[in-house]
Amino acid sequence: MCFRMKVYPICHRIPERTFKIKGYYFPVCSRCTGIYTGAIIYYILVYFFYVEYDLYLILIAALMMVPTFIDGLTQFLGYRESNNKIRFMTGLLAGFGLGLLVKAFKFFFFR
């Protein structure tokens, strides 16, 4: 598959991999939509609930990003074709984990 596409700084924005509502495409792909949504959900939850950060929680956060990596890598290597629902769900998980890692980093290094 050889095609030219524009390079965007945040996301590739390929129309087939982007959600569309009433004829309008989202500004980012479904995986990035999931990542941003997951991170926002995490920050909303942590605002209302106290989280005790420890190494076990950081390990869980890192493992939450593995499905997104596997999904993206297997698709990139051509082993399978993912769909927008899978991209969104793995992105959601990774976004939640990424939000947790960023907050844990802040907790350990800036306290």
PDB file of N, CA and C in Angstrom:
ATOM      1  N   MET A   1       0.857  -1.166   0.000  1.00  0.00           N
ATOM      2  CA  MET A   1       0.000   0.000   0.000  1.00  0.00           C
ATOM      3  C   MET A   1       0.902   1.227   0.000  1.00  0.00           C
ATOM      4  N   CYS A   2       0.903   1.916  -1.079  1.00  0.00           N
ATOM      5  CA  CYS A   2       1.712   3.118  -1.186  1.00  0.00           C
ATOM      6  C   CYS A   2       0.796   4.297  -1.484  1.00  0.00           C
ATOM      7  N   PHE A   3       0.754   5.229  -0.597  1.00  0.00           N
ATOM      8  CA  PHE A   3      -0.058   6.417  -0.807  1.00  0.00           C
ATOM      9  C   PHE A   3       0.594   7.596  -0.116  1.00  0.00           C
ATOM     10  N   ARG A   4       0.316   8.752  -0.637  1.00  0.00           N
ATOM     11  CA  ARG A   4       0.843   9.974  -0.032  1.00  0.00           C
ATOM     12  C   ARG A   4      -0.212  10.536   0.898  1.00  0.00           C
ATOM     13  N   MET A   5       0.213  10.977   2.048  1.00  0.00           N
ATOM     14  CA  MET A   5      -0.721  11.626   2.951  1.00  0.00           C
ATOM     15  C   MET A   5      -0.045  12.832   3.577  1.00  0.00           C
ATOM     16  N   LYS A   6      -0.867  13.753   3.992  1.00  0.00           N
ATOM     17  CA  LYS A   6      -0.343  14.935   4.667  1.00  0.00           C
ATOM     18  C   LYS A   6       0.206  14.532   6.026  1.00  0.00           C
ATOM     19  N   VAL A   7       1.173  15.262   6.487  1.00  0.00           N
ATOM     20  CA  VAL A   7       1.740  15.010   7.802  1.00  0.00           C
ATOM     21  C   VAL A   7       1.188  16.054   8.755  1.00  0.00           C
ATOM     22  N   TYR A   8       0.540  15.567   9.812  1.00  0.00           N
ATOM     23  CA  TYR A   8       0.002  16.444  10.846  1.00  0.00           C
ATOM     24  C   TYR A   8       0.812  16.240  12.115  1.00  0.00           C
ATOM     25  N   PRO A   9       1.002  17.278  12.912  1.00  0.00           N
ATOM     26  CA  PRO A   9       1.853  17.152  14.091  1.00  0.00           C
ATOM     27  C   PRO A   9       1.251  16.309  15.216  1.00  0.00           C
ATOM     28  N   ILE A  10      -0.064  16.179  15.284  1.00  0.00           N
ATOM     29  CA  ILE A  10      -0.687  15.471  16.400  1.00  0.00           C
ATOM     30  C   ILE A  10      -1.196  14.095  16.007  1.00  0.00           C
ATOM     31  N   CYS A  11      -1.761  13.951  14.819  1.00  0.00           N
ATOM     32  CA  CYS A  11      -2.409  12.708  14.413  1.00  0.00           C
ATOM     33  C   CYS A  11      -2.411  12.623  12.891  1.00  0.00           C
ATOM     34  N   HIS A  12      -2.436  11.417  12.349  1.00  0.00           N
ATOM     35  CA  HIS A  12      -2.416  11.250  10.891  1.00  0.00           C
ATOM     36  C   HIS A  12      -3.726  11.662  10.223  1.00  0.00           C
ATOM     37  N   ARG A  13      -4.839  11.568  10.908  1.00  0.00           N
ATOM     38  CA  ARG A  13      -6.157  12.016  10.441  1.00  0.00           C
ATOM     39  C   ARG A  13      -6.612  11.331   9.149  1.00  0.00           C
ATOM     40  N   ILE A  14      -6.316  10.057   9.008  1.00  0.00           N
ATOM     41  CA  ILE A  14      -6.778   9.305   7.845  1.00  0.00           C
ATOM     42  C   ILE A  14      -8.297   9.151   7.958  1.00  0.00           C
ATOM     43  N   PRO A  15      -9.057   9.566   6.946  1.00  0.00           N
ATOM     44  CA  PRO A  15     -10.522   9.548   7.049  1.00  0.00           C
ATOM     45  C   PRO A  15     -11.120   8.180   7.393  1.00  0.00           C
ATOM     46  N   GLU A  16     -10.565   7.089   6.866  1.00  0.00           N
ATOM     47  CA  GLU A  16     -11.097   5.756   7.162  1.00  0.00           C
ATOM     48  C   GLU A  16     -10.891   5.358   8.617  1.00  0.00           C
ATOM     49  N   ARG A  17      -9.976   5.999   9.290  1.00  0.00           N
ATOM     50  CA  ARG A  17      -9.672   5.673  10.683  1.00  0.00           C
ATOM     51  C   ARG A  17     -10.166   6.750  11.635  1.00  0.00           C
ATOM     52  N   THR A  18     -11.081   7.557  11.169  1.00  0.00           N
ATOM     53  CA  THR A  18     -11.604   8.675  11.952  1.00  0.00           C
ATOM     54  C   THR A  18     -13.113   8.553  12.070  1.00  0.00           C
ATOM     55  N   PHE A  19     -13.637   8.881  13.242  1.00  0.00           N
ATOM     56  CA  PHE A  19     -15.087   8.877  13.433  1.00  0.00           C
ATOM     57  C   PHE A  19     -15.716  10.009  12.627  1.00  0.00           C
ATOM     58  N   LYS A  20     -16.921   9.767  12.162  1.00  0.00           N
ATOM     59  CA  LYS A  20     -17.637  10.769  11.386  1.00  0.00           C
ATOM     60  C   LYS A  20     -19.042  10.906  11.948  1.00  0.00           C
ATOM     61  N   ILE A  21     -19.462  12.131  12.232  1.00  0.00           N
ATOM     62  CA  ILE A  21     -20.810  12.409  12.731  1.00  0.00           C
ATOM     63  C   ILE A  21     -21.460  13.417  11.800  1.00  0.00           C
ATOM     64  N   LYS A  22     -22.589  13.020  11.245  1.00  0.00           N
ATOM     65  CA  LYS A  22     -23.361  13.873  10.330  1.00  0.00           C
ATOM     66  C   LYS A  22     -22.503  14.446   9.209  1.00  0.00           C
ATOM     67  N   GLY A  23     -21.636  13.622   8.648  1.00  0.00           N
ATOM     68  CA  GLY A  23     -20.817  14.051   7.525  1.00  0.00           C
ATOM     69  C   GLY A  23     -19.543  14.790   7.888  1.00  0.00           C
ATOM     70  N   TYR A  24     -19.316  15.033   9.165  1.00  0.00           N
ATOM     71  CA  TYR A  24     -18.116  15.750   9.606  1.00  0.00           C
ATOM     72  C   TYR A  24     -17.173  14.791  10.322  1.00  0.00           C
ATOM     73  N   TYR A  25     -15.906  14.825   9.915  1.00  0.00           N
ATOM     74  CA  TYR A  25     -14.897  13.984  10.547  1.00  0.00           C
ATOM     75  C   TYR A  25     -14.346  14.647  11.808  1.00  0.00           C
ATOM     76  N   PHE A  26     -14.003  13.812  12.792  1.00  0.00           N
ATOM     77  CA  PHE A  26     -13.331  14.315  13.983  1.00  0.00           C
ATOM     78  C   PHE A  26     -11.964  14.861  13.560  1.00  0.00           C
ATOM     79  N   PRO A  27     -11.399  15.791  14.331  1.00  0.00           N
ATOM     80  CA  PRO A  27     -10.089  16.345  13.964  1.00  0.00           C
ATOM     81  C   PRO A  27      -8.929  15.378  14.206  1.00  0.00           C
ATOM     82  N   VAL A  28      -9.173  14.286  14.921  1.00  0.00           N
ATOM     83  CA  VAL A  28      -8.141  13.276  15.163  1.00  0.00           C
ATOM     84  C   VAL A  28      -8.728  11.891  14.897  1.00  0.00           C
ATOM     85  N   CYS A  29      -7.884  10.887  14.725  1.00  0.00           N
ATOM     86  CA  CYS A  29      -8.338   9.528  14.439  1.00  0.00           C
ATOM     87  C   CYS A  29      -9.024   8.918  15.656  1.00  0.00           C
ATOM     88  N   SER A  30      -9.612   7.743  15.455  1.00  0.00           N
ATOM     89  CA  SER A  30     -10.354   7.116  16.547  1.00  0.00           C
ATOM     90  C   SER A  30      -9.436   6.695  17.694  1.00  0.00           C
ATOM     91  N   ARG A  31      -8.200   6.280  17.402  1.00  0.00           N
ATOM     92  CA  ARG A  31      -7.280   5.897  18.474  1.00  0.00           C
ATOM     93  C   ARG A  31      -6.903   7.116  19.311  1.00  0.00           C
ATOM     94  N   CYS A  32      -6.598   8.229  18.662  1.00  0.00           N
ATOM     95  CA  CYS A  32      -6.262   9.455  19.391  1.00  0.00           C
ATOM     96  C   CYS A  32      -7.474   9.988  20.153  1.00  0.00           C
ATOM     97  N   THR A  33      -8.661   9.843  19.562  1.00  0.00           N
ATOM     98  CA  THR A  33      -9.875  10.239  20.274  1.00  0.00           C
ATOM     99  C   THR A  33      -9.994   9.450  21.568  1.00  0.00           C
ATOM    100  N   GLY A  34      -9.717   8.147  21.511  1.00  0.00           N
ATOM    101  CA  GLY A  34      -9.744   7.316  22.710  1.00  0.00           C
ATOM    102  C   GLY A  34      -8.691   7.722  23.725  1.00  0.00           C
ATOM    103  N   ILE A  35      -7.497   8.037  23.246  1.00  0.00           N
ATOM    104  CA  ILE A  35      -6.418   8.434  24.158  1.00  0.00           C
ATOM    105  C   ILE A  35      -6.780   9.730  24.877  1.00  0.00           C
ATOM    106  N   TYR A  36      -7.249  10.720  24.132  1.00  0.00           N
ATOM    107  CA  TYR A  36      -7.625  11.992  24.758  1.00  0.00           C
ATOM    108  C   TYR A  36      -8.805  11.810  25.708  1.00  0.00           C
ATOM    109  N   THR A  37      -9.787  11.015  25.314  1.00  0.00           N
ATOM    110  CA  THR A  37     -10.954  10.781  26.165  1.00  0.00           C
ATOM    111  C   THR A  37     -10.552  10.057  27.444  1.00  0.00           C
ATOM    112  N   GLY A  38      -9.701   9.034  27.326  1.00  0.00           N
ATOM    113  CA  GLY A  38      -9.245   8.293  28.503  1.00  0.00           C
ATOM    114  C   GLY A  38      -8.485   9.170  29.477  1.00  0.00           C
ATOM    115  N   ALA A  39      -7.617  10.023  28.964  1.00  0.00           N
ATOM    116  CA  ALA A  39      -6.853  10.921  29.835  1.00  0.00           C
ATOM    117  C   ALA A  39      -7.779  11.913  30.530  1.00  0.00           C
ATOM    118  N   ILE A  40      -8.739  12.457  29.796  1.00  0.00           N
ATOM    119  CA  ILE A  40      -9.691  13.407  30.404  1.00  0.00           C
ATOM    120  C   ILE A  40     -10.523  12.724  31.476  1.00  0.00           C
ATOM    121  N   ILE A  41     -10.978  11.507  31.201  1.00  0.00           N
ATOM    122  CA  ILE A  41     -11.759  10.759  32.199  1.00  0.00           C
ATOM    123  C   ILE A  41     -10.917  10.522  33.450  1.00  0.00           C
ATOM    124  N   TYR A  42      -9.637  10.160  33.267  1.00  0.00           N
ATOM    125  CA  TYR A  42      -8.786   9.936  34.429  1.00  0.00           C
ATOM    126  C   TYR A  42      -8.647  11.207  35.265  1.00  0.00           C
ATOM    127  N   TYR A  43      -8.415  12.334  34.612  1.00  0.00           N
ATOM    128  CA  TYR A  43      -8.237  13.584  35.364  1.00  0.00           C
ATOM    129  C   TYR A  43      -9.522  14.018  36.057  1.00  0.00           C
ATOM    130  N   ILE A  44     -10.661  13.726  35.472  1.00  0.00           N
ATOM    131  CA  ILE A  44     -11.933  14.024  36.148  1.00  0.00           C
ATOM    132  C   ILE A  44     -12.092  13.137  37.373  1.00  0.00           C
ATOM    133  N   LEU A  45     -11.808  11.845  37.232  1.00  0.00           N
ATOM    134  CA  LEU A  45     -11.936  10.931  38.370  1.00  0.00           C
ATOM    135  C   LEU A  45     -10.978  11.274  39.496  1.00  0.00           C
ATOM    136  N   VAL A  46      -9.738  11.618  39.149  1.00  0.00           N
ATOM    137  CA  VAL A  46      -8.748  11.910  40.187  1.00  0.00           C
ATOM    138  C   VAL A  46      -9.069  13.232  40.895  1.00  0.00           C
ATOM    139  N   TYR A  47      -9.831  14.072  40.259  1.00  0.00           N
ATOM    140  CA  TYR A  47     -10.264  15.306  40.912  1.00  0.00           C
ATOM    141  C   TYR A  47     -11.209  14.995  42.075  1.00  0.00           C
ATOM    142  N   PHE A  48     -12.041  13.968  41.909  1.00  0.00           N
ATOM    143  CA  PHE A  48     -13.034  13.632  42.931  1.00  0.00           C
ATOM    144  C   PHE A  48     -12.580  12.550  43.906  1.00  0.00           C
ATOM    145  N   PHE A  49     -11.634  11.710  43.505  1.00  0.00           N
ATOM    146  CA  PHE A  49     -11.190  10.601  44.347  1.00  0.00           C
ATOM    147  C   PHE A  49      -9.687  10.663  44.544  1.00  0.00           C
ATOM    148  N   TYR A  50      -9.242  10.381  45.768  1.00  0.00           N
ATOM    149  CA  TYR A  50      -7.818  10.375  46.078  1.00  0.00           C
ATOM    150  C   TYR A  50      -7.189   9.093  45.534  1.00  0.00           C
ATOM    151  N   VAL A  51      -6.035   9.218  44.922  1.00  0.00           N
ATOM    152  CA  VAL A  51      -5.312   8.063  44.392  1.00  0.00           C
ATOM    153  C   VAL A  51      -3.966   7.982  45.090  1.00  0.00           C
ATOM    154  N   GLU A  52      -3.656   6.824  45.640  1.00  0.00           N
ATOM    155  CA  GLU A  52      -2.377   6.579  46.289  1.00  0.00           C
ATOM    156  C   GLU A  52      -1.422   6.013  45.242  1.00  0.00           C
ATOM    157  N   TYR A  53      -0.434   6.792  44.843  1.00  0.00           N
ATOM    158  CA  TYR A  53       0.484   6.382  43.788  1.00  0.00           C
ATOM    159  C   TYR A  53       1.608   5.536  44.361  1.00  0.00           C
ATOM    160  N   ASP A  54       1.831   4.384  43.769  1.00  0.00           N
ATOM    161  CA  ASP A  54       2.939   3.517  44.141  1.00  0.00           C
ATOM    162  C   ASP A  54       3.438   2.801  42.886  1.00  0.00           C
ATOM    163  N   LEU A  55       4.479   2.023  43.026  1.00  0.00           N
ATOM    164  CA  LEU A  55       5.068   1.356  41.869  1.00  0.00           C
ATOM    165  C   LEU A  55       4.117   0.351  41.228  1.00  0.00           C
ATOM    166  N   TYR A  56       3.289  -0.301  42.033  1.00  0.00           N
ATOM    167  CA  TYR A  56       2.306  -1.253  41.514  1.00  0.00           C
ATOM    168  C   TYR A  56       1.328  -0.547  40.572  1.00  0.00           C
ATOM    169  N   LEU A  57       0.874   0.612  40.947  1.00  0.00           N
ATOM    170  CA  LEU A  57      -0.054   1.382  40.119  1.00  0.00           C
ATOM    171  C   LEU A  57       0.623   1.873  38.838  1.00  0.00           C
ATOM    172  N   ILE A  58       1.897   2.222  38.930  1.00  0.00           N
ATOM    173  CA  ILE A  58       2.636   2.640  37.743  1.00  0.00           C
ATOM    174  C   ILE A  58       2.804   1.473  36.774  1.00  0.00           C
ATOM    175  N   LEU A  59       3.037   0.274  37.297  1.00  0.00           N
ATOM    176  CA  LEU A  59       3.137  -0.912  36.449  1.00  0.00           C
ATOM    177  C   LEU A  59       1.806  -1.184  35.739  1.00  0.00           C
ATOM    178  N   ILE A  60       0.712  -1.059  36.457  1.00  0.00           N
ATOM    179  CA  ILE A  60      -0.615  -1.247  35.859  1.00  0.00           C
ATOM    180  C   ILE A  60      -0.844  -0.205  34.761  1.00  0.00           C
ATOM    181  N   ALA A  61      -0.455   1.030  35.008  1.00  0.00           N
ATOM    182  CA  ALA A  61      -0.619   2.090  34.015  1.00  0.00           C
ATOM    183  C   ALA A  61       0.186   1.778  32.754  1.00  0.00           C
ATOM    184  N   ALA A  62       1.397   1.299  32.921  1.00  0.00           N
ATOM    185  CA  ALA A  62       2.220   0.938  31.758  1.00  0.00           C
ATOM    186  C   ALA A  62       1.601  -0.226  30.998  1.00  0.00           C
ATOM    187  N   LEU A  63       1.056  -1.196  31.708  1.00  0.00           N
ATOM    188  CA  LEU A  63       0.411  -2.339  31.054  1.00  0.00           C
ATOM    189  C   LEU A  63      -0.869  -1.944  30.321  1.00  0.00           C
ATOM    190  N   MET A  64      -1.501  -0.866  30.766  1.00  0.00           N
ATOM    191  CA  MET A  64      -2.717  -0.399  30.093  1.00  0.00           C
ATOM    192  C   MET A  64      -2.411   0.110  28.685  1.00  0.00           C
ATOM    193  N   MET A  65      -1.177   0.460  28.419  1.00  0.00           N
ATOM    194  CA  MET A  65      -0.801   0.963  27.094  1.00  0.00           C
ATOM    195  C   MET A  65      -0.403  -0.146  26.127  1.00  0.00           C
ATOM    196  N   VAL A  66      -0.167  -1.340  26.629  1.00  0.00           N
ATOM    197  CA  VAL A  66       0.283  -2.446  25.784  1.00  0.00           C
ATOM    198  C   VAL A  66      -0.724  -2.814  24.689  1.00  0.00           C
ATOM    199  N   PRO A  67      -2.039  -2.922  24.976  1.00  0.00           N
ATOM    200  CA  PRO A  67      -2.968  -3.264  23.890  1.00  0.00           C
ATOM    201  C   PRO A  67      -2.951  -2.281  22.725  1.00  0.00           C
ATOM    202  N   THR A  68      -2.779  -1.001  23.010  1.00  0.00           N
ATOM    203  CA  THR A  68      -2.700  -0.003  21.944  1.00  0.00           C
ATOM    204  C   THR A  68      -1.452  -0.223  21.106  1.00  0.00           C
ATOM    205  N   PHE A  69      -0.353  -0.510  21.765  1.00  0.00           N
ATOM    206  CA  PHE A  69       0.892  -0.780  21.057  1.00  0.00           C
ATOM    207  C   PHE A  69       0.753  -2.014  20.169  1.00  0.00           C
ATOM    208  N   ILE A  70       0.185  -3.077  20.700  1.00  0.00           N
ATOM    209  CA  ILE A  70       0.009  -4.314  19.926  1.00  0.00           C
ATOM    210  C   ILE A  70      -0.935  -4.088  18.752  1.00  0.00           C
ATOM    211  N   ASP A  71      -2.040  -3.398  19.001  1.00  0.00           N
ATOM    212  CA  ASP A  71      -3.001  -3.113  17.935  1.00  0.00           C
ATOM    213  C   ASP A  71      -2.352  -2.295  16.824  1.00  0.00           C
ATOM    214  N   GLY A  72      -1.657  -1.247  17.180  1.00  0.00           N
ATOM    215  CA  GLY A  72      -1.008  -0.396  16.182  1.00  0.00           C
ATOM    216  C   GLY A  72       0.116  -1.110  15.449  1.00  0.00           C
ATOM    217  N   LEU A  73       0.916  -1.877  16.168  1.00  0.00           N
ATOM    218  CA  LEU A  73       2.052  -2.567  15.553  1.00  0.00           C
ATOM    219  C   LEU A  73       1.585  -3.657  14.588  1.00  0.00           C
ATOM    220  N   THR A  74       0.633  -4.483  15.010  1.00  0.00           N
ATOM    221  CA  THR A  74       0.155  -5.553  14.125  1.00  0.00           C
ATOM    222  C   THR A  74      -0.538  -4.988  12.897  1.00  0.00           C
ATOM    223  N   GLN A  75      -1.189  -3.869  13.046  1.00  0.00           N
ATOM    224  CA  GLN A  75      -1.816  -3.224  11.891  1.00  0.00           C
ATOM    225  C   GLN A  75      -0.746  -2.633  10.974  1.00  0.00           C
ATOM    226  N   PHE A  76       0.247  -1.984  11.547  1.00  0.00           N
ATOM    227  CA  PHE A  76       1.331  -1.386  10.759  1.00  0.00           C
ATOM    228  C   PHE A  76       2.109  -2.445   9.981  1.00  0.00           C
ATOM    229  N   LEU A  77       2.362  -3.601  10.610  1.00  0.00           N
ATOM    230  CA  LEU A  77       3.114  -4.668   9.966  1.00  0.00           C
ATOM    231  C   LEU A  77       2.277  -5.453   8.960  1.00  0.00           C
ATOM    232  N   GLY A  78       0.978  -5.185   8.907  1.00  0.00           N
ATOM    233  CA  GLY A  78       0.115  -5.823   7.928  1.00  0.00           C
ATOM    234  C   GLY A  78      -0.426  -7.180   8.329  1.00  0.00           C
ATOM    235  N   TYR A  79      -0.314  -7.544   9.600  1.00  0.00           N
ATOM    236  CA  TYR A  79      -0.835  -8.835  10.048  1.00  0.00           C
ATOM    237  C   TYR A  79      -2.359  -8.861  10.088  1.00  0.00           C
ATOM    238  N   ARG A  80      -2.962  -7.724  10.309  1.00  0.00           N
ATOM    239  CA  ARG A  80      -4.421  -7.639  10.385  1.00  0.00           C
ATOM    240  C   ARG A  80      -4.839  -6.194  10.198  1.00  0.00           C
ATOM    241  N   GLU A  81      -6.128  -6.000   9.982  1.00  0.00           N
ATOM    242  CA  GLU A  81      -6.682  -4.654   9.851  1.00  0.00           C
ATOM    243  C   GLU A  81      -7.578  -4.405  11.061  1.00  0.00           C
ATOM    244  N   SER A  82      -7.281  -3.381  11.794  1.00  0.00           N
ATOM    245  CA  SER A  82      -8.081  -3.026  12.966  1.00  0.00           C
ATOM    246  C   SER A  82      -9.311  -2.236  12.503  1.00  0.00           C
ATOM    247  N   ASN A  83     -10.263  -2.052  13.428  1.00  0.00           N
ATOM    248  CA  ASN A  83     -11.414  -1.206  13.099  1.00  0.00           C
ATOM    249  C   ASN A  83     -11.499  -0.068  14.111  1.00  0.00           C
ATOM    250  N   ASN A  84     -12.361   0.887  13.849  1.00  0.00           N
ATOM    251  CA  ASN A  84     -12.415   2.085  14.681  1.00  0.00           C
ATOM    252  C   ASN A  84     -12.837   1.793  16.114  1.00  0.00           C
ATOM    253  N   LYS A  85     -13.696   0.796  16.325  1.00  0.00           N
ATOM    254  CA  LYS A  85     -14.106   0.460  17.697  1.00  0.00           C
ATOM    255  C   LYS A  85     -12.931  -0.072  18.502  1.00  0.00           C
ATOM    256  N   ILE A  86     -12.144  -0.952  17.894  1.00  0.00           N
ATOM    257  CA  ILE A  86     -10.968  -1.489  18.595  1.00  0.00           C
ATOM    258  C   ILE A  86      -9.949  -0.380  18.832  1.00  0.00           C
ATOM    259  N   ARG A  87      -9.727   0.441  17.826  1.00  0.00           N
ATOM    260  CA  ARG A  87      -8.789   1.564  17.991  1.00  0.00           C
ATOM    261  C   ARG A  87      -9.220   2.482  19.130  1.00  0.00           C
ATOM    262  N   PHE A  88     -10.512   2.787  19.190  1.00  0.00           N
ATOM    263  CA  PHE A  88     -11.005   3.675  20.239  1.00  0.00           C
ATOM    264  C   PHE A  88     -10.855   3.032  21.620  1.00  0.00           C
ATOM    265  N   MET A  89     -11.240   1.754  21.740  1.00  0.00           N
ATOM    266  CA  MET A  89     -11.176   1.093  23.054  1.00  0.00           C
ATOM    267  C   MET A  89      -9.734   0.945  23.546  1.00  0.00           C
ATOM    268  N   THR A  90      -8.823   0.562  22.656  1.00  0.00           N
ATOM    269  CA  THR A  90      -7.428   0.452  23.095  1.00  0.00           C
ATOM    270  C   THR A  90      -6.851   1.838  23.392  1.00  0.00           C
ATOM    271  N   GLY A  91      -7.270   2.834  22.622  1.00  0.00           N
ATOM    272  CA  GLY A  91      -6.840   4.203  22.897  1.00  0.00           C
ATOM    273  C   GLY A  91      -7.368   4.714  24.227  1.00  0.00           C
ATOM    274  N   LEU A  92      -8.604   4.366  24.541  1.00  0.00           N
ATOM    275  CA  LEU A  92      -9.207   4.759  25.815  1.00  0.00           C
ATOM    276  C   LEU A  92      -8.408   4.189  26.983  1.00  0.00           C
ATOM    277  N   LEU A  93      -8.057   2.919  26.861  1.00  0.00           N
ATOM    278  CA  LEU A  93      -7.258   2.268  27.898  1.00  0.00           C
ATOM    279  C   LEU A  93      -5.887   2.929  28.024  1.00  0.00           C
ATOM    280  N   ALA A  94      -5.257   3.198  26.884  1.00  0.00           N
ATOM    281  CA  ALA A  94      -3.937   3.833  26.906  1.00  0.00           C
ATOM    282  C   ALA A  94      -4.011   5.260  27.446  1.00  0.00           C
ATOM    283  N   GLY A  95      -5.050   5.979  27.101  1.00  0.00           N
ATOM    284  CA  GLY A  95      -5.203   7.345  27.610  1.00  0.00           C
ATOM    285  C   GLY A  95      -5.363   7.375  29.117  1.00  0.00           C
ATOM    286  N   PHE A  96      -6.130   6.439  29.638  1.00  0.00           N
ATOM    287  CA  PHE A  96      -6.298   6.335  31.089  1.00  0.00           C
ATOM    288  C   PHE A  96      -4.952   6.029  31.746  1.00  0.00           C
ATOM    289  N   GLY A  97      -4.213   5.067  31.158  1.00  0.00           N
ATOM    290  CA  GLY A  97      -2.896   4.724  31.692  1.00  0.00           C
ATOM    291  C   GLY A  97      -1.906   5.864  31.569  1.00  0.00           C
ATOM    292  N   LEU A  98      -1.958   6.575  30.459  1.00  0.00           N
ATOM    293  CA  LEU A  98      -1.059   7.708  30.263  1.00  0.00           C
ATOM    294  C   LEU A  98      -1.356   8.828  31.262  1.00  0.00           C
ATOM    295  N   GLY A  99      -2.636   9.097  31.479  1.00  0.00           N
ATOM    296  CA  GLY A  99      -3.016  10.084  32.488  1.00  0.00           C
ATOM    297  C   GLY A  99      -2.502   9.698  33.859  1.00  0.00           C
ATOM    298  N   LEU A 100      -2.604   8.414  34.175  1.00  0.00           N
ATOM    299  CA  LEU A 100      -2.120   7.912  35.461  1.00  0.00           C
ATOM    300  C   LEU A 100      -0.601   8.078  35.562  1.00  0.00           C
ATOM    301  N   LEU A 101       0.111   7.747  34.493  1.00  0.00           N
ATOM    302  CA  LEU A 101       1.575   7.890  34.526  1.00  0.00           C
ATOM    303  C   LEU A 101       2.010   9.341  34.669  1.00  0.00           C
ATOM    304  N   VAL A 102       1.348  10.234  33.972  1.00  0.00           N
ATOM    305  CA  VAL A 102       1.700  11.657  34.069  1.00  0.00           C
ATOM    306  C   VAL A 102       1.461  12.160  35.483  1.00  0.00           C
ATOM    307  N   LYS A 103       0.334  11.779  36.057  1.00  0.00           N
ATOM    308  CA  LYS A 103       0.011  12.214  37.421  1.00  0.00           C
ATOM    309  C   LYS A 103       0.977  11.594  38.434  1.00  0.00           C
ATOM    310  N   ALA A 104       1.360  10.328  38.224  1.00  0.00           N
ATOM    311  CA  ALA A 104       2.321   9.674  39.116  1.00  0.00           C
ATOM    312  C   ALA A 104       3.690  10.333  38.996  1.00  0.00           C
ATOM    313  N   PHE A 105       4.094  10.671  37.768  1.00  0.00           N
ATOM    314  CA  PHE A 105       5.356  11.374  37.562  1.00  0.00           C
ATOM    315  C   PHE A 105       5.349  12.690  38.331  1.00  0.00           C
ATOM    316  N   LYS A 106       4.268  13.419  38.226  1.00  0.00           N
ATOM    317  CA  LYS A 106       4.151  14.682  38.945  1.00  0.00           C
ATOM    318  C   LYS A 106       4.212  14.449  40.456  1.00  0.00           C
ATOM    319  N   PHE A 107       3.548  13.397  40.923  1.00  0.00           N
ATOM    320  CA  PHE A 107       3.516  13.091  42.351  1.00  0.00           C
ATOM    321  C   PHE A 107       4.901  12.768  42.882  1.00  0.00           C
ATOM    322  N   PHE A 108       5.669  11.934  42.156  1.00  0.00           N
ATOM    323  CA  PHE A 108       6.976  11.502  42.649  1.00  0.00           C
ATOM    324  C   PHE A 108       8.080  12.525  42.454  1.00  0.00           C
ATOM    325  N   PHE A 109       8.026  13.312  41.399  1.00  0.00           N
ATOM    326  CA  PHE A 109       9.128  14.215  41.117  1.00  0.00           C
ATOM    327  C   PHE A 109       8.922  15.665  41.503  1.00  0.00           C
ATOM    328  N   PHE A 110       7.677  16.042  41.776  1.00  0.00           N
ATOM    329  CA  PHE A 110       7.422  17.437  42.100  1.00  0.00           C
ATOM    330  C   PHE A 110       6.743  17.640  43.452  1.00  0.00           C
ATOM    331  N   ARG A 111       6.928  16.718  44.338  1.00  0.00           N
ATOM    332  CA  ARG A 111       6.327  16.905  45.664  1.00  0.00           C
ATOM    333  C   ARG A 111       7.338  17.418  46.647  1.00  0.00           C
TER     334      ARG A 111
END
